[in-house]
Amino acid sequence: MTSASQAAAGGRLKPGFAEPVHGAQQAFRRILQAMARPGTLQDCGRDLDPPPGLSPAMAAVCLTLADADAPLWLAPALGSEAVQGYLKFHCNAPIRDDAREAAFVLADAAGMPALDACAQGCDRYPDRSATLVVEVPSLAADGRGAWRLQGPGIASTASLAVGGLPGDFPARWRDNAALFPCGVDLILTQGHTLAALPRTTRISDPVEG
């Protein structure tokens, strides 16, 4: 039995992927598909049972993308010892106190920091910007208040209904897009579902109906 399995069996640490290489490869494909086709819903992390505060999809993103060279920032709702221990053990990723120093910013909808409070990258190194991973109360392909999405990876338009984010989020996202090639990217998670909005994706205001 591995040390991770022993810790998990003793109730001290939740396990990661049952098959780490296969699990990470599968999750990476789902995340890549979400980034390539903004607004599409992807099933991710269904086999994970992370500690409270982390959804399976958010945990899958961390276990797949975070490492010693990709620091994390955690919103207060995600800052429990169980969550920190899980991420440090499985990802070997340092946890920062300042969101500007993090490659991945993890938050619930209520605790999401301002987009411009995260690493923005620079013209020479736009890849040094942060990716926000935000757990929201609801995430669906369509519905009341759905955003219309346009941009690379979207043939015409797509729609995405996101619950829990501020009503002015589309305006904030337009400000973020204006910084291109800098600016942040966004991964939205809800349970074992995720969708991605690269900085090149344009959001219209929610449509009532």
Protein backbone atom coordinates (compact mmCIF):
# COMPACT_ATOMS: atom_id res chain seq x y z
CA MET A 1 0.00 0.00 0.00
CA THR A 2 1.35 3.46 -0.92
CA SER A 3 1.82 6.17 1.70
CA ALA A 4 -1.12 8.05 0.15
CA SER A 5 -3.33 4.98 0.45
CA GLN A 6 -2.20 4.40 4.02
CA ALA A 7 -2.99 7.98 4.99
CA ALA A 8 -6.34 7.82 3.25
CA ALA A 9 -7.18 4.53 4.93
CA GLY A 10 -6.42 6.11 8.28
CA GLY A 11 -8.76 8.99 7.57
CA ARG A 12 -5.96 11.53 7.42
CA LEU A 13 -5.84 12.13 3.68
CA LYS A 14 -8.32 11.65 0.86
CA PRO A 15 -6.91 9.66 -2.09
CA GLY A 16 -6.24 11.19 -5.48
CA PHE A 17 -6.77 9.43 -8.79
CA ALA A 18 -7.03 5.65 -8.37
CA GLU A 19 -4.72 5.34 -11.39
CA PRO A 20 -2.69 8.57 -11.31
CA VAL A 21 -1.29 8.49 -14.85
CA HIS A 22 -4.52 7.41 -16.54
CA GLY A 23 -6.65 9.71 -14.38
CA ALA A 24 -4.50 12.76 -15.05
CA GLN A 25 -4.39 12.02 -18.79
CA GLN A 26 -8.15 11.70 -18.97
CA ALA A 27 -8.71 14.87 -16.95
CA PHE A 28 -6.18 16.75 -19.10
CA ARG A 29 -8.08 15.79 -22.25
CA ARG A 30 -11.34 17.07 -20.74
CA ILE A 31 -9.75 20.34 -19.63
CA LEU A 32 -8.09 20.81 -23.03
CA GLN A 33 -11.43 20.16 -24.76
CA ALA A 34 -13.11 22.71 -22.50
CA MET A 35 -10.50 25.35 -23.33
CA ALA A 36 -10.64 24.58 -27.06
CA ARG A 37 -14.46 24.75 -27.11
CA PRO A 38 -15.40 27.50 -24.67
CA GLY A 39 -18.71 27.05 -22.90
CA THR A 40 -19.03 23.32 -23.50
CA LEU A 41 -19.66 21.18 -20.42
CA GLN A 42 -17.14 18.45 -19.64
CA ASP A 43 -17.46 15.62 -17.12
CA CYS A 44 -14.30 15.56 -15.03
CA GLY A 45 -13.15 14.01 -11.77
CA ARG A 46 -16.13 11.75 -11.26
CA ASP A 47 -13.94 9.11 -9.57
CA LEU A 48 -12.47 11.57 -7.05
CA ASP A 49 -13.63 12.08 -3.47
CA PRO A 50 -11.79 15.22 -2.32
CA PRO A 51 -12.17 16.82 1.12
CA PRO A 52 -15.11 19.19 1.71
CA GLY A 53 -14.64 22.49 -0.07
CA LEU A 54 -13.12 20.95 -3.20
CA SER A 55 -15.49 19.61 -5.84
CA PRO A 56 -14.39 16.58 -7.88
CA ALA A 57 -13.89 18.73 -11.00
CA MET A 58 -11.85 21.36 -9.15
CA ALA A 59 -9.74 18.65 -7.55
CA ALA A 60 -9.17 17.06 -10.97
CA VAL A 61 -7.95 20.38 -12.38
CA CYS A 62 -5.49 20.76 -9.51
CA LEU A 63 -4.23 17.17 -9.61
CA THR A 64 -3.70 17.49 -13.36
CA LEU A 65 -2.23 20.97 -13.78
CA ALA A 66 -0.76 22.16 -10.48
CA ASP A 67 2.75 21.21 -9.41
CA ALA A 68 5.78 22.56 -7.61
CA ASP A 69 6.19 25.25 -10.28
CA ALA A 70 2.51 26.24 -10.31
CA PRO A 71 1.58 27.82 -6.96
CA LEU A 72 -2.00 27.95 -5.70
CA TRP A 73 -4.05 30.61 -3.93
CA LEU A 74 -7.11 29.49 -1.96
CA ALA A 75 -10.15 31.54 -1.07
CA PRO A 76 -11.07 31.40 2.64
CA ALA A 77 -13.81 28.80 2.00
CA LEU A 78 -11.17 26.45 0.57
CA GLY A 79 -8.48 27.09 3.15
CA SER A 80 -9.13 24.21 5.55
CA GLU A 81 -6.27 22.04 6.74
CA ALA A 82 -7.82 19.07 4.93
CA VAL A 83 -7.90 20.89 1.59
CA GLN A 84 -4.41 22.33 2.00
CA GLY A 85 -2.99 18.95 3.00
CA TYR A 86 -4.71 17.23 0.05
CA LEU A 87 -3.35 19.73 -2.47
CA LYS A 88 0.15 19.86 -1.01
CA PHE A 89 0.43 16.06 -0.96
CA HIS A 90 -1.09 15.21 -4.32
CA CYS A 91 0.08 18.27 -6.30
CA ASN A 92 3.28 19.24 -4.45
CA ALA A 93 2.17 22.80 -5.14
CA PRO A 94 3.07 25.68 -2.82
CA ILE A 95 0.17 27.74 -1.49
CA ARG A 96 0.54 31.52 -1.64
CA ASP A 97 -1.05 34.24 0.48
CA ASP A 98 -1.13 36.69 -2.45
CA ALA A 99 -3.28 35.83 -5.48
CA ARG A 100 -0.84 37.72 -7.71
CA GLU A 101 1.80 35.08 -6.97
CA ALA A 102 -0.39 32.11 -7.92
CA ALA A 103 -0.64 30.25 -11.20
CA PHE A 104 -4.02 28.86 -10.15
CA VAL A 105 -6.51 30.81 -8.06
CA LEU A 106 -9.10 28.54 -6.42
CA ALA A 107 -12.32 30.02 -5.12
CA ASP A 108 -15.99 29.59 -4.53
CA ALA A 109 -18.25 32.09 -6.31
CA ALA A 110 -18.61 34.27 -3.20
CA GLY A 111 -14.88 34.29 -2.50
CA MET A 112 -13.60 34.92 -6.03
CA PRO A 113 -11.08 37.78 -6.04
CA ALA A 114 -11.21 40.59 -8.57
CA LEU A 115 -9.80 39.51 -11.91
CA ASP A 116 -7.19 42.26 -11.83
CA ALA A 117 -6.07 41.11 -8.36
CA CYS A 118 -4.60 37.98 -9.99
CA ALA A 119 -1.44 37.57 -12.05
CA GLN A 120 -1.98 39.18 -15.46
CA GLY A 121 1.16 38.17 -17.29
CA CYS A 122 2.98 40.67 -19.50
CA ASP A 123 3.35 41.29 -23.22
CA ARG A 124 6.56 39.28 -23.31
CA TYR A 125 5.27 36.46 -21.06
CA PRO A 126 1.47 36.39 -21.26
CA ASP A 127 1.56 32.76 -20.13
CA ARG A 128 2.56 33.93 -16.66
CA SER A 129 -1.01 34.98 -15.98
CA ALA A 130 -3.30 33.11 -13.60
CA THR A 131 -6.07 30.66 -14.28
CA LEU A 132 -9.05 31.11 -11.97
CA VAL A 133 -10.84 27.91 -11.01
CA VAL A 134 -14.19 28.86 -9.50
CA GLU A 135 -16.81 26.55 -8.03
CA VAL A 136 -20.27 27.91 -8.78
CA PRO A 137 -23.70 26.85 -7.48
CA SER A 138 -24.99 25.95 -10.94
CA LEU A 139 -23.55 25.41 -14.39
CA ALA A 140 -25.66 24.52 -17.44
CA ALA A 141 -25.56 24.75 -21.21
CA ASP A 142 -28.59 27.05 -21.28
CA GLY A 143 -31.23 28.57 -19.06
CA ARG A 144 -32.43 31.81 -17.54
CA GLY A 145 -29.74 34.47 -17.61
CA ALA A 146 -27.46 32.44 -19.89
CA TRP A 147 -24.51 34.24 -21.40
CA ARG A 148 -23.98 34.32 -25.15
CA LEU A 149 -20.39 33.43 -25.95
CA GLN A 150 -18.33 34.24 -29.03
CA GLY A 151 -14.71 33.92 -29.98
CA PRO A 152 -12.09 31.34 -31.03
CA GLY A 153 -13.33 27.77 -30.75
CA ILE A 154 -16.98 28.79 -31.15
CA ALA A 155 -18.44 28.39 -34.64
CA SER A 156 -21.10 31.10 -34.24
CA THR A 157 -22.34 31.56 -30.69
CA ALA A 158 -22.60 29.35 -27.64
CA SER A 159 -24.52 29.75 -24.43
CA LEU A 160 -23.64 29.08 -20.82
CA ALA A 161 -25.79 29.59 -17.73
CA VAL A 162 -23.69 30.25 -14.63
CA GLY A 163 -25.13 30.74 -11.18
CA GLY A 164 -23.58 32.65 -8.32
CA LEU A 165 -21.32 35.16 -10.07
CA PRO A 166 -21.91 38.93 -9.78
CA GLY A 167 -24.38 40.44 -12.22
CA ASP A 168 -21.66 42.69 -13.64
CA PHE A 169 -19.30 39.80 -14.34
CA PRO A 170 -19.71 40.12 -18.16
CA ALA A 171 -18.48 43.73 -17.91
CA ARG A 172 -15.55 42.64 -15.75
CA TRP A 173 -14.73 39.95 -18.31
CA ARG A 174 -14.76 42.52 -21.12
CA ASP A 175 -12.19 44.54 -19.16
CA ASN A 176 -10.10 41.38 -18.84
CA ALA A 177 -10.34 40.67 -22.58
CA ALA A 178 -9.14 44.20 -23.33
CA LEU A 179 -5.79 43.30 -21.77
CA PHE A 180 -5.07 40.59 -24.39
CA PRO A 181 -2.55 38.97 -24.77
CA CYS A 182 -2.47 39.43 -20.99
CA GLY A 183 -5.36 38.75 -18.66
CA VAL A 184 -6.64 35.70 -16.84
CA ASP A 185 -8.38 32.53 -18.03
CA LEU A 186 -11.34 31.02 -16.20
CA ILE A 187 -12.40 27.45 -15.43
CA LEU A 188 -15.85 27.10 -13.89
CA THR A 189 -16.66 23.95 -11.93
CA GLN A 190 -19.79 22.54 -10.37
CA GLY A 191 -19.61 19.07 -8.88
CA HIS A 192 -17.99 16.85 -11.52
CA THR A 193 -18.74 19.27 -14.38
CA LEU A 194 -16.51 22.01 -15.76
CA ALA A 195 -16.50 24.61 -18.50
CA ALA A 196 -13.73 26.99 -19.53
CA LEU A 197 -13.57 30.57 -20.72
CA PRO A 198 -10.20 31.53 -22.19
CA ARG A 199 -9.39 35.22 -22.16
CA THR A 200 -10.25 35.35 -25.88
CA THR A 201 -13.90 34.42 -25.25
CA ARG A 202 -16.39 37.27 -25.38
CA ILE A 203 -19.43 37.32 -23.08
CA SER A 204 -22.61 39.26 -23.73
CA ASP A 205 -24.82 40.35 -20.86
CA PRO A 206 -27.18 37.66 -19.53
CA VAL A 207 -30.36 37.20 -21.52
CA GLU A 208 -33.52 37.15 -19.44
CA GLY A 209 -36.14 34.62 -20.33
